[in-house]
């Protein structure tokens, strides 16, 4: 007889999987809850590999939701950015692959992928599932699953440094950025920014935010200069979000979370989440 399995044992893993697939912890929680309901309605004594069964259920539910979510995201007000979460709530991070696929920059890059490609990429990279199982989950041949993984990996890593900065180097660059911004030091910011830096701002139509990505060092500096002249950014602190440090700020009464991605030792991407609906899983201790 197959021993009883406690669903809660797998919940952190399943939440981490669904979050990587959807870029939203709210949606991930809904998917995992639906998986729990299906688990309760299943003859569990007949399931020889509960982990594989639950991963399959969650992946397919998330795929269905991701397909419908893409339509909504295309109509979103301004750039759509993933929902950030505290690192402690991101599920298991035991391997470099699990940490990389939950990083904010990777989640953002995965928005480029079609839903099946994203599923293949996450299941292979983060959870190291065999191609045979992945193919069954996404409904493709094994050969096609391999091809999707190859294409997805190339797109996600496009333009990224082969060797990413250490957590310490990333945090140090973020602190310099925070100090320069708080002090209104545009010269220091110029030195920190890559010439092709892009600033993404997600207000979701709920709060003021740039409606298009701001690209190029001079344009980003001009944009930040305008903000720094109008708002007080002194109420700032660092939080551990998506496996890396991020800046929490209170701007004119609105919460804001800022994350960065680094290329060639300089800040290449700035992600600013201001939509209050996306900050529910980022809270101060």
Protein backbone atom coordinates (compact mmCIF):
# COMPACT_ATOMS: atom_id res chain seq x y z
CA UNK A 1 0.00 0.00 0.00
CA UNK A 2 1.28 3.47 -0.93
CA UNK A 3 1.75 5.60 2.23
CA UNK A 4 -0.39 8.70 2.74
CA UNK A 5 1.10 11.98 1.53
CA UNK A 6 0.60 15.37 3.16
CA UNK A 7 -0.09 17.96 0.44
CA UNK A 8 1.43 20.67 2.65
CA UNK A 9 4.80 18.96 2.30
CA UNK A 10 4.78 19.92 -1.38
CA UNK A 11 3.10 23.32 -1.12
CA UNK A 12 6.32 25.45 -1.05
CA UNK A 13 7.69 23.63 -4.10
CA UNK A 14 4.39 23.96 -5.98
CA UNK A 15 4.08 27.65 -5.14
CA UNK A 16 7.61 28.24 -6.36
CA UNK A 17 6.83 26.41 -9.60
CA UNK A 18 3.56 28.25 -10.23
CA UNK A 19 5.16 31.60 -9.40
CA UNK A 20 7.93 31.07 -11.93
CA UNK A 21 5.39 30.10 -14.56
CA UNK A 22 3.03 33.02 -13.91
CA UNK A 23 5.14 35.86 -12.51
CA UNK A 24 2.41 36.47 -9.94
CA UNK A 25 2.22 35.01 -6.47
CA UNK A 26 -1.49 35.84 -6.20
CA UNK A 27 -2.17 33.74 -9.30
CA UNK A 28 0.25 31.06 -8.11
CA UNK A 29 -1.66 30.72 -4.85
CA UNK A 30 -4.92 30.29 -6.78
CA UNK A 31 -3.36 27.57 -8.94
CA UNK A 32 -1.96 25.68 -5.95
CA UNK A 33 -5.31 25.90 -4.17
CA UNK A 34 -7.02 24.41 -7.22
CA UNK A 35 -4.38 21.66 -7.28
CA UNK A 36 -5.15 20.93 -3.62
CA UNK A 37 -8.86 20.58 -4.44
CA UNK A 38 -8.05 18.15 -7.23
CA UNK A 39 -5.71 16.24 -4.92
CA UNK A 40 -8.51 15.91 -2.38
CA UNK A 41 -10.80 14.51 -5.05
CA UNK A 42 -8.26 11.92 -6.22
CA UNK A 43 -7.78 8.36 -5.03
CA UNK A 44 -4.35 9.08 -3.58
CA UNK A 45 -3.64 5.42 -2.89
CA UNK A 46 -3.29 4.92 -6.65
CA UNK A 47 -0.67 7.65 -7.12
CA UNK A 48 2.80 6.13 -6.97
CA UNK A 49 4.72 9.38 -7.49
CA UNK A 50 2.86 12.21 -5.72
CA UNK A 51 5.51 14.82 -6.53
CA UNK A 52 5.38 14.11 -10.26
CA UNK A 53 1.58 14.04 -10.19
CA UNK A 54 1.30 17.38 -8.37
CA UNK A 55 3.96 19.07 -10.52
CA UNK A 56 2.03 17.98 -13.61
CA UNK A 57 -1.29 19.26 -12.25
CA UNK A 58 0.15 22.63 -11.20
CA UNK A 59 2.05 23.06 -14.47
CA UNK A 60 -1.01 22.42 -16.60
CA UNK A 61 -3.22 24.69 -14.49
CA UNK A 62 -0.60 27.44 -14.65
CA UNK A 63 -0.25 27.01 -18.41
CA UNK A 64 -3.99 27.46 -18.88
CA UNK A 65 -3.95 30.56 -16.69
CA UNK A 66 -0.87 31.99 -18.39
CA UNK A 67 -2.50 31.74 -21.82
CA UNK A 68 -5.46 33.81 -20.67
CA UNK A 69 -3.28 36.18 -18.63
CA UNK A 70 -1.25 37.15 -21.70
CA UNK A 71 -4.33 38.76 -23.24
CA UNK A 72 -4.92 40.82 -20.09
CA UNK A 73 -1.26 41.82 -19.88
CA UNK A 74 -1.32 43.12 -23.45
CA UNK A 75 -4.11 45.53 -22.41
CA UNK A 76 -2.33 46.53 -19.18
CA UNK A 77 -1.73 50.24 -18.54
CA UNK A 78 1.99 50.75 -19.08
CA UNK A 79 4.68 48.05 -18.85
CA UNK A 80 3.62 44.86 -17.07
CA UNK A 81 6.23 43.73 -14.56
CA UNK A 82 6.19 40.53 -12.48
CA UNK A 83 4.92 40.67 -8.92
CA UNK A 84 7.92 40.76 -6.54
CA UNK A 85 7.99 38.54 -3.46
CA UNK A 86 10.17 38.36 -0.39
CA UNK A 87 12.90 35.78 -0.89
CA UNK A 88 11.70 33.86 2.17
CA UNK A 89 8.33 33.34 0.44
CA UNK A 90 9.68 32.28 -2.96
CA UNK A 91 9.83 28.55 -2.23
CA UNK A 92 12.92 26.31 -2.18
CA UNK A 93 16.13 27.96 -3.42
CA UNK A 94 18.50 25.05 -2.86
CA UNK A 95 20.25 25.22 -6.23
CA UNK A 96 21.75 27.95 -8.40
CA UNK A 97 19.09 27.19 -11.02
CA UNK A 98 16.24 27.67 -8.56
CA UNK A 99 17.75 30.98 -7.44
CA UNK A 100 18.36 32.20 -10.98
CA UNK A 101 14.87 31.38 -12.26
CA UNK A 102 13.25 33.32 -9.39
CA UNK A 103 15.45 36.39 -9.89
CA UNK A 104 13.50 39.41 -11.00
CA UNK A 105 15.52 39.92 -14.18
CA UNK A 106 14.90 36.32 -15.27
CA UNK A 107 11.18 36.54 -14.53
CA UNK A 108 11.03 39.69 -16.62
CA UNK A 109 12.90 38.06 -19.50
CA UNK A 110 10.59 35.04 -19.37
CA UNK A 111 7.71 37.32 -20.35
CA UNK A 112 9.16 37.13 -23.86
CA UNK A 113 8.40 33.43 -24.06
CA UNK A 114 5.26 31.73 -25.32
CA UNK A 115 3.50 29.83 -22.50
CA UNK A 116 4.72 26.33 -23.56
CA UNK A 117 8.29 27.63 -23.94
CA UNK A 118 8.15 29.18 -20.48
CA UNK A 119 6.87 25.95 -18.98
CA UNK A 120 9.58 23.90 -20.68
CA UNK A 121 12.27 26.35 -19.58
CA UNK A 122 11.16 26.42 -15.93
CA UNK A 123 10.58 22.68 -15.63
CA UNK A 124 13.95 21.87 -17.15
CA UNK A 125 16.13 24.65 -15.73
CA UNK A 126 14.73 24.99 -12.23
CA UNK A 127 13.27 21.57 -11.51
CA UNK A 128 15.46 19.39 -13.75
CA UNK A 129 12.57 17.28 -15.04
CA UNK A 130 13.40 14.79 -17.82
CA UNK A 131 12.28 15.83 -21.31
CA UNK A 132 9.92 12.87 -21.45
CA UNK A 133 7.92 14.18 -18.48
CA UNK A 134 8.08 17.77 -19.73
CA UNK A 135 6.78 16.72 -23.14
CA UNK A 136 3.84 14.96 -21.51
CA UNK A 137 3.02 18.03 -19.41
CA UNK A 138 3.02 20.51 -22.30
CA UNK A 139 1.56 18.10 -24.85
CA UNK A 140 4.46 17.94 -27.29
CA UNK A 141 6.96 15.42 -28.58
CA UNK A 142 10.23 14.94 -26.71
CA UNK A 143 12.15 16.38 -29.68
CA UNK A 144 9.96 19.47 -29.72
CA UNK A 145 10.37 19.91 -25.96
CA UNK A 146 14.14 19.89 -26.44
CA UNK A 147 13.86 22.51 -29.20
CA UNK A 148 11.59 24.72 -27.08
CA UNK A 149 14.07 24.55 -24.20
CA UNK A 150 16.95 25.50 -26.49
CA UNK A 151 15.03 28.49 -27.92
CA UNK A 152 13.80 29.62 -24.52
CA UNK A 153 17.24 29.41 -22.89
CA UNK A 154 18.73 31.47 -25.74
CA UNK A 155 16.08 34.19 -25.40
CA UNK A 156 16.26 34.39 -21.61
CA UNK A 157 20.06 34.66 -21.57
CA UNK A 158 20.26 37.03 -24.55
CA UNK A 159 22.40 40.04 -23.64
CA UNK A 160 23.23 38.71 -20.17
CA UNK A 161 26.73 38.37 -18.79
CA UNK A 162 27.98 34.78 -18.79
CA UNK A 163 28.99 35.22 -15.17
CA UNK A 164 26.55 37.18 -13.05
CA UNK A 165 27.82 39.38 -10.19
CA UNK A 166 27.90 37.87 -6.74
CA UNK A 167 25.15 38.74 -4.29
CA UNK A 168 27.62 40.98 -2.47
CA UNK A 169 28.61 42.88 -5.65
CA UNK A 170 24.97 43.22 -6.69
CA UNK A 171 24.03 44.58 -3.25
CA UNK A 172 26.97 47.02 -3.26
CA UNK A 173 25.96 48.41 -6.66
CA UNK A 174 22.37 48.75 -5.45
CA UNK A 175 23.50 50.63 -2.32
CA UNK A 176 25.53 53.04 -4.45
CA UNK A 177 22.49 53.58 -6.64
CA UNK A 178 20.30 54.21 -3.59
CA UNK A 179 22.78 56.65 -2.06
CA UNK A 180 23.29 58.56 -5.32
CA UNK A 181 19.54 58.78 -5.96
CA UNK A 182 18.77 59.87 -2.39
CA UNK A 183 21.46 62.56 -2.66
CA UNK A 184 20.40 63.69 -6.13
CA UNK A 185 23.92 62.98 -7.39
CA UNK A 186 23.42 62.64 -11.16
CA UNK A 187 27.17 62.44 -11.79
CA UNK A 188 27.41 59.37 -9.57
CA UNK A 189 24.37 57.85 -11.29
CA UNK A 190 26.00 58.43 -14.67
CA UNK A 191 28.96 56.33 -13.57
CA UNK A 192 26.69 53.55 -12.31
CA UNK A 193 24.52 53.26 -15.43
CA UNK A 194 25.27 51.22 -18.54
CA UNK A 195 24.96 53.37 -21.66
CA UNK A 196 22.02 51.21 -22.78
CA UNK A 197 20.23 51.26 -19.42
CA UNK A 198 16.44 50.85 -19.53
CA UNK A 199 14.00 51.87 -16.80
CA UNK A 200 10.72 49.94 -16.55
CA UNK A 201 7.97 51.46 -14.41
CA UNK A 202 4.80 49.60 -13.43
CA UNK A 203 1.99 51.69 -11.97
CA UNK A 204 -0.79 49.64 -13.52
CA UNK A 205 -2.93 52.76 -13.92
CA UNK A 206 -3.27 52.89 -10.13
CA UNK A 207 -0.48 55.41 -9.43
CA UNK A 208 1.62 57.71 -11.60
CA UNK A 209 4.34 55.95 -13.58
CA UNK A 210 5.97 56.21 -16.99
CA UNK A 211 3.76 54.48 -19.55
CA UNK A 212 6.67 53.35 -21.74
CA UNK A 213 10.15 51.97 -21.03
CA UNK A 214 12.76 54.73 -20.80
CA UNK A 215 15.87 53.70 -22.75
CA UNK A 216 19.36 55.16 -22.80
CA UNK A 217 21.56 56.67 -20.11
CA UNK A 218 20.72 60.33 -20.80
CA UNK A 219 16.97 59.74 -20.95
CA UNK A 220 16.98 57.70 -17.74
CA UNK A 221 19.06 60.36 -16.00
CA UNK A 222 16.66 63.09 -17.16
CA UNK A 223 13.69 61.06 -15.96
CA UNK A 224 15.25 60.38 -12.56
CA UNK A 225 16.38 63.99 -12.27
CA UNK A 226 12.80 65.14 -12.67
CA UNK A 227 11.58 62.71 -10.02
CA UNK A 228 14.33 63.58 -7.57
CA UNK A 229 13.50 67.27 -7.83
CA UNK A 230 9.82 66.67 -6.94
CA UNK A 231 9.79 63.86 -4.39
CA UNK A 232 11.50 63.03 -1.11
CA UNK A 233 13.28 59.67 -1.38
CA UNK A 234 14.82 59.77 2.08
CA UNK A 235 12.52 57.05 3.49
CA UNK A 236 14.31 54.11 1.89
CA UNK A 237 15.57 50.73 3.05
CA UNK A 238 16.79 47.46 1.59
CA UNK A 239 14.72 44.28 1.44
CA UNK A 240 15.64 40.77 0.29
CA UNK A 241 13.36 40.22 -2.71
CA UNK A 242 13.45 37.47 -5.35
CA UNK A 243 16.82 36.28 -4.12
CA UNK A 244 18.51 39.71 -4.24
CA UNK A 245 18.49 43.05 -2.50
CA UNK A 246 15.88 45.63 -3.56
CA UNK A 247 15.08 49.20 -2.53
CA UNK A 248 11.82 49.87 -0.70
CA UNK A 249 10.78 53.52 -0.86
CA UNK A 250 7.84 55.64 0.21
CA UNK A 251 7.28 58.24 -2.54
CA UNK A 252 4.67 60.91 -1.82
CA UNK A 253 2.67 58.41 0.23
CA UNK A 254 2.92 55.58 -2.30
CA UNK A 255 5.05 52.49 -1.78
CA UNK A 256 7.61 51.65 -4.42
CA UNK A 257 10.03 48.78 -4.93
CA UNK A 258 13.09 49.16 -7.14
CA UNK A 259 15.24 46.32 -8.45
CA UNK A 260 18.18 46.28 -10.85
CA UNK A 261 19.90 43.98 -13.32
CA UNK A 262 23.63 44.29 -13.97
CA UNK A 263 25.55 43.98 -17.23
CA UNK A 264 29.30 44.53 -17.60
CA UNK A 265 29.52 45.80 -14.03
CA UNK A 266 26.93 48.54 -14.49
CA UNK A 267 23.18 48.88 -14.05
CA UNK A 268 21.52 47.78 -17.30
CA UNK A 269 17.88 47.42 -16.20
CA UNK A 270 15.88 49.26 -13.54
CA UNK A 271 12.55 47.75 -12.50
CA UNK A 272 10.23 49.99 -10.51
CA UNK A 273 7.00 48.45 -9.19
CA UNK A 274 4.50 51.05 -7.95
CA UNK A 275 1.21 49.25 -8.55
CA UNK A 276 -0.07 48.66 -5.00
CA UNK A 277 -1.80 45.45 -6.13
CA UNK A 278 1.65 43.96 -6.80
CA UNK A 279 3.25 44.84 -3.48
CA UNK A 280 1.11 42.66 -1.24
CA UNK A 281 3.84 40.01 -0.94
CA UNK A 282 6.53 42.57 -0.10
CA UNK A 283 6.19 43.79 3.45
CA UNK A 284 8.41 45.13 6.17
CA UNK A 285 9.27 42.96 9.16
